[in-house]
Amino acid sequence: MEEVILRPDSKGRINLGEFLQGVSSYRVCIGENGSLTLNPYLEIPFTEKWIFENKEILEKVKQQFKQEEKAA
């Protein structure tokens, strides 16, 4: 695991910059000792939500990706 030191600006903000590639949000867990753990999230468009709600369709999509990966 890589460890870096980030310093807050004058307003207390920390710039995550390069760590945000492909991430739309973070869930923050606050430890008893004040430590922060950021867990990245990637939200999906509402119009694609039905794919993840239908397990049969989701499995077919996953299988298709696996087949395409093997073919590449």
N, C-alpha and C. Protein backbone atom coordinates (compact mmCIF):
# COMPACT_ATOMS: atom_id res chain seq x y z
N MET A 1 0.86 -1.18 0.00
CA MET A 1 0.00 0.00 0.00
C MET A 1 0.90 1.23 0.00
N GLU A 2 0.57 2.16 -0.87
CA GLU A 2 1.32 3.40 -0.96
C GLU A 2 0.83 4.38 0.10
N GLU A 3 1.74 5.12 0.67
CA GLU A 3 1.37 6.11 1.68
C GLU A 3 1.89 7.47 1.22
N VAL A 4 1.02 8.47 1.27
CA VAL A 4 1.40 9.84 0.90
C VAL A 4 0.94 10.79 1.99
N ILE A 5 1.56 11.95 2.03
CA ILE A 5 1.15 12.98 2.98
C ILE A 5 0.50 14.11 2.19
N LEU A 6 -0.71 14.46 2.55
CA LEU A 6 -1.44 15.57 1.93
C LEU A 6 -1.66 16.63 2.99
N ARG A 7 -1.42 17.87 2.62
CA ARG A 7 -1.59 18.97 3.58
C ARG A 7 -2.83 19.78 3.20
N PRO A 8 -3.67 20.10 4.19
CA PRO A 8 -4.85 20.91 3.91
C PRO A 8 -4.47 22.35 3.56
N ASP A 9 -5.32 22.99 2.74
CA ASP A 9 -5.10 24.40 2.42
C ASP A 9 -5.63 25.27 3.56
N SER A 10 -5.65 26.57 3.36
CA SER A 10 -6.04 27.50 4.43
C SER A 10 -7.49 27.33 4.87
N LYS A 11 -8.31 26.69 4.03
CA LYS A 11 -9.72 26.46 4.39
C LYS A 11 -9.95 25.03 4.89
N GLY A 12 -8.87 24.27 5.09
CA GLY A 12 -9.00 22.92 5.61
C GLY A 12 -9.28 21.86 4.56
N ARG A 13 -9.18 22.21 3.28
CA ARG A 13 -9.48 21.26 2.21
C ARG A 13 -8.21 20.50 1.80
N ILE A 14 -8.41 19.25 1.42
CA ILE A 14 -7.31 18.43 0.90
C ILE A 14 -7.64 18.11 -0.55
N ASN A 15 -6.69 18.35 -1.44
CA ASN A 15 -6.87 18.09 -2.87
C ASN A 15 -6.44 16.66 -3.16
N LEU A 16 -7.39 15.84 -3.60
CA LEU A 16 -7.09 14.45 -3.91
C LEU A 16 -6.58 14.27 -5.33
N GLY A 17 -6.76 15.28 -6.17
CA GLY A 17 -6.23 15.32 -7.53
C GLY A 17 -6.17 13.99 -8.25
N GLU A 18 -4.96 13.45 -8.40
CA GLU A 18 -4.73 12.24 -9.20
C GLU A 18 -5.44 11.01 -8.65
N PHE A 19 -5.83 11.02 -7.39
CA PHE A 19 -6.51 9.87 -6.80
C PHE A 19 -7.97 9.76 -7.25
N LEU A 20 -8.48 10.77 -7.91
CA LEU A 20 -9.89 10.80 -8.29
C LEU A 20 -10.17 10.22 -9.68
N GLN A 21 -9.18 9.73 -10.37
CA GLN A 21 -9.38 9.20 -11.72
C GLN A 21 -10.38 8.06 -11.71
N GLY A 22 -11.48 8.23 -12.43
CA GLY A 22 -12.50 7.20 -12.55
C GLY A 22 -13.40 7.04 -11.35
N VAL A 23 -13.34 7.95 -10.41
CA VAL A 23 -14.14 7.85 -9.18
C VAL A 23 -15.14 9.00 -9.16
N SER A 24 -16.40 8.71 -8.81
CA SER A 24 -17.40 9.77 -8.76
C SER A 24 -17.69 10.24 -7.34
N SER A 25 -17.36 9.41 -6.35
CA SER A 25 -17.57 9.82 -4.97
C SER A 25 -16.79 8.89 -4.03
N TYR A 26 -16.72 9.27 -2.78
CA TYR A 26 -16.06 8.47 -1.75
C TYR A 26 -16.97 8.34 -0.55
N ARG A 27 -16.95 7.17 0.07
CA ARG A 27 -17.58 6.99 1.37
C ARG A 27 -16.46 7.15 2.38
N VAL A 28 -16.69 7.96 3.40
CA VAL A 28 -15.67 8.23 4.41
C VAL A 28 -16.03 7.51 5.70
N CYS A 29 -15.09 6.72 6.20
CA CYS A 29 -15.24 6.05 7.49
C CYS A 29 -14.33 6.78 8.48
N ILE A 30 -14.89 7.19 9.60
CA ILE A 30 -14.15 7.93 10.60
C ILE A 30 -13.88 7.00 11.78
N GLY A 31 -12.60 6.76 12.04
CA GLY A 31 -12.20 5.87 13.13
C GLY A 31 -12.30 6.57 14.48
N GLU A 32 -12.29 5.76 15.52
CA GLU A 32 -12.37 6.30 16.88
C GLU A 32 -11.22 7.25 17.20
N ASN A 33 -10.07 7.01 16.56
CA ASN A 33 -8.90 7.85 16.81
C ASN A 33 -8.83 9.05 15.85
N GLY A 34 -9.89 9.26 15.07
CA GLY A 34 -9.93 10.38 14.14
C GLY A 34 -9.38 10.07 12.76
N SER A 35 -8.94 8.83 12.54
CA SER A 35 -8.42 8.46 11.22
C SER A 35 -9.57 8.42 10.21
N LEU A 36 -9.26 8.74 8.97
CA LEU A 36 -10.24 8.74 7.89
C LEU A 36 -9.87 7.68 6.87
N THR A 37 -10.84 6.88 6.47
CA THR A 37 -10.64 5.90 5.41
C THR A 37 -11.60 6.26 4.29
N LEU A 38 -11.05 6.47 3.09
CA LEU A 38 -11.86 6.82 1.93
C LEU A 38 -12.05 5.59 1.07
N ASN A 39 -13.29 5.22 0.80
CA ASN A 39 -13.61 4.09 -0.06
C ASN A 39 -14.22 4.62 -1.35
N PRO A 40 -13.55 4.42 -2.49
CA PRO A 40 -14.03 4.98 -3.75
C PRO A 40 -15.31 4.32 -4.25
N TYR A 41 -16.13 5.13 -4.89
CA TYR A 41 -17.38 4.67 -5.50
C TYR A 41 -17.47 5.19 -6.92
N LEU A 42 -18.17 4.44 -7.73
CA LEU A 42 -18.46 4.86 -9.09
C LEU A 42 -19.94 4.64 -9.30
N GLU A 43 -20.67 5.72 -9.41
CA GLU A 43 -22.11 5.60 -9.61
C GLU A 43 -22.42 5.28 -11.06
N ILE A 44 -23.53 4.62 -11.26
CA ILE A 44 -23.96 4.28 -12.62
C ILE A 44 -25.13 5.17 -13.01
N PRO A 45 -25.30 5.41 -14.30
CA PRO A 45 -26.45 6.19 -14.75
C PRO A 45 -27.76 5.48 -14.39
N PHE A 46 -28.78 6.25 -14.08
CA PHE A 46 -30.09 5.70 -13.71
C PHE A 46 -30.63 4.78 -14.79
N THR A 47 -30.36 5.13 -16.05
CA THR A 47 -30.89 4.33 -17.16
C THR A 47 -30.24 2.95 -17.25
N GLU A 48 -29.11 2.73 -16.55
CA GLU A 48 -28.44 1.43 -16.56
C GLU A 48 -28.68 0.66 -15.26
N LYS A 49 -29.42 1.24 -14.34
CA LYS A 49 -29.67 0.62 -13.05
C LYS A 49 -30.37 -0.73 -13.18
N TRP A 50 -31.24 -0.88 -14.14
CA TRP A 50 -32.01 -2.11 -14.31
C TRP A 50 -31.11 -3.31 -14.56
N ILE A 51 -29.95 -3.10 -15.18
CA ILE A 51 -29.03 -4.21 -15.44
C ILE A 51 -28.56 -4.82 -14.12
N PHE A 52 -28.26 -3.98 -13.15
CA PHE A 52 -27.75 -4.46 -11.87
C PHE A 52 -28.86 -5.02 -10.98
N GLU A 53 -30.08 -4.69 -11.28
CA GLU A 53 -31.22 -5.22 -10.51
C GLU A 53 -31.69 -6.57 -11.05
N ASN A 54 -31.31 -6.88 -12.29
CA ASN A 54 -31.72 -8.14 -12.91
C ASN A 54 -30.50 -9.07 -12.95
N LYS A 55 -30.43 -10.02 -12.02
CA LYS A 55 -29.25 -10.88 -11.88
C LYS A 55 -28.98 -11.70 -13.14
N GLU A 56 -30.03 -12.14 -13.81
CA GLU A 56 -29.85 -12.94 -15.03
C GLU A 56 -29.18 -12.10 -16.13
N ILE A 57 -29.65 -10.90 -16.33
CA ILE A 57 -29.07 -10.00 -17.34
C ILE A 57 -27.64 -9.64 -16.94
N LEU A 58 -27.41 -9.35 -15.68
CA LEU A 58 -26.08 -8.98 -15.20
C LEU A 58 -25.08 -10.11 -15.47
N GLU A 59 -25.47 -11.35 -15.21
CA GLU A 59 -24.58 -12.48 -15.47
C GLU A 59 -24.27 -12.61 -16.96
N LYS A 60 -25.27 -12.38 -17.81
CA LYS A 60 -25.05 -12.44 -19.26
C LYS A 60 -24.06 -11.35 -19.70
N VAL A 61 -24.20 -10.18 -19.15
CA VAL A 61 -23.29 -9.07 -19.48
C VAL A 61 -21.87 -9.43 -19.03
N LYS A 62 -21.72 -9.97 -17.82
CA LYS A 62 -20.41 -10.37 -17.31
C LYS A 62 -19.78 -11.44 -18.19
N GLN A 63 -20.57 -12.42 -18.61
CA GLN A 63 -20.07 -13.49 -19.48
C GLN A 63 -19.61 -12.92 -20.81
N GLN A 64 -20.35 -11.98 -21.34
CA GLN A 64 -19.98 -11.34 -22.61
C GLN A 64 -18.63 -10.63 -22.48
N PHE A 65 -18.43 -9.93 -21.38
CA PHE A 65 -17.16 -9.23 -21.15
C PHE A 65 -16.02 -10.24 -21.06
N LYS A 66 -16.24 -11.36 -20.37
CA LYS A 66 -15.21 -12.38 -20.24
C LYS A 66 -14.84 -12.96 -21.61
N GLN A 67 -15.85 -13.21 -22.45
CA GLN A 67 -15.61 -13.74 -23.79
C GLN A 67 -14.80 -12.74 -24.63
N GLU A 68 -15.16 -11.47 -24.53
CA GLU A 68 -14.44 -10.46 -25.29
C GLU A 68 -13.02 -10.30 -24.80
N GLU A 69 -12.82 -10.46 -23.49
CA GLU A 69 -11.47 -10.35 -22.92
C GLU A 69 -10.59 -11.50 -23.41
N LYS A 70 -11.15 -12.70 -23.47
CA LYS A 70 -10.40 -13.86 -23.95
C LYS A 70 -10.05 -13.72 -25.43
N ALA A 71 -10.96 -13.12 -26.21
CA ALA A 71 -10.75 -12.96 -27.65
C ALA A 71 -9.69 -11.91 -27.97
N ALA A 72 -9.48 -10.98 -27.04
CA ALA A 72 -8.53 -9.87 -27.30
C ALA A 72 -7.09 -10.27 -27.15
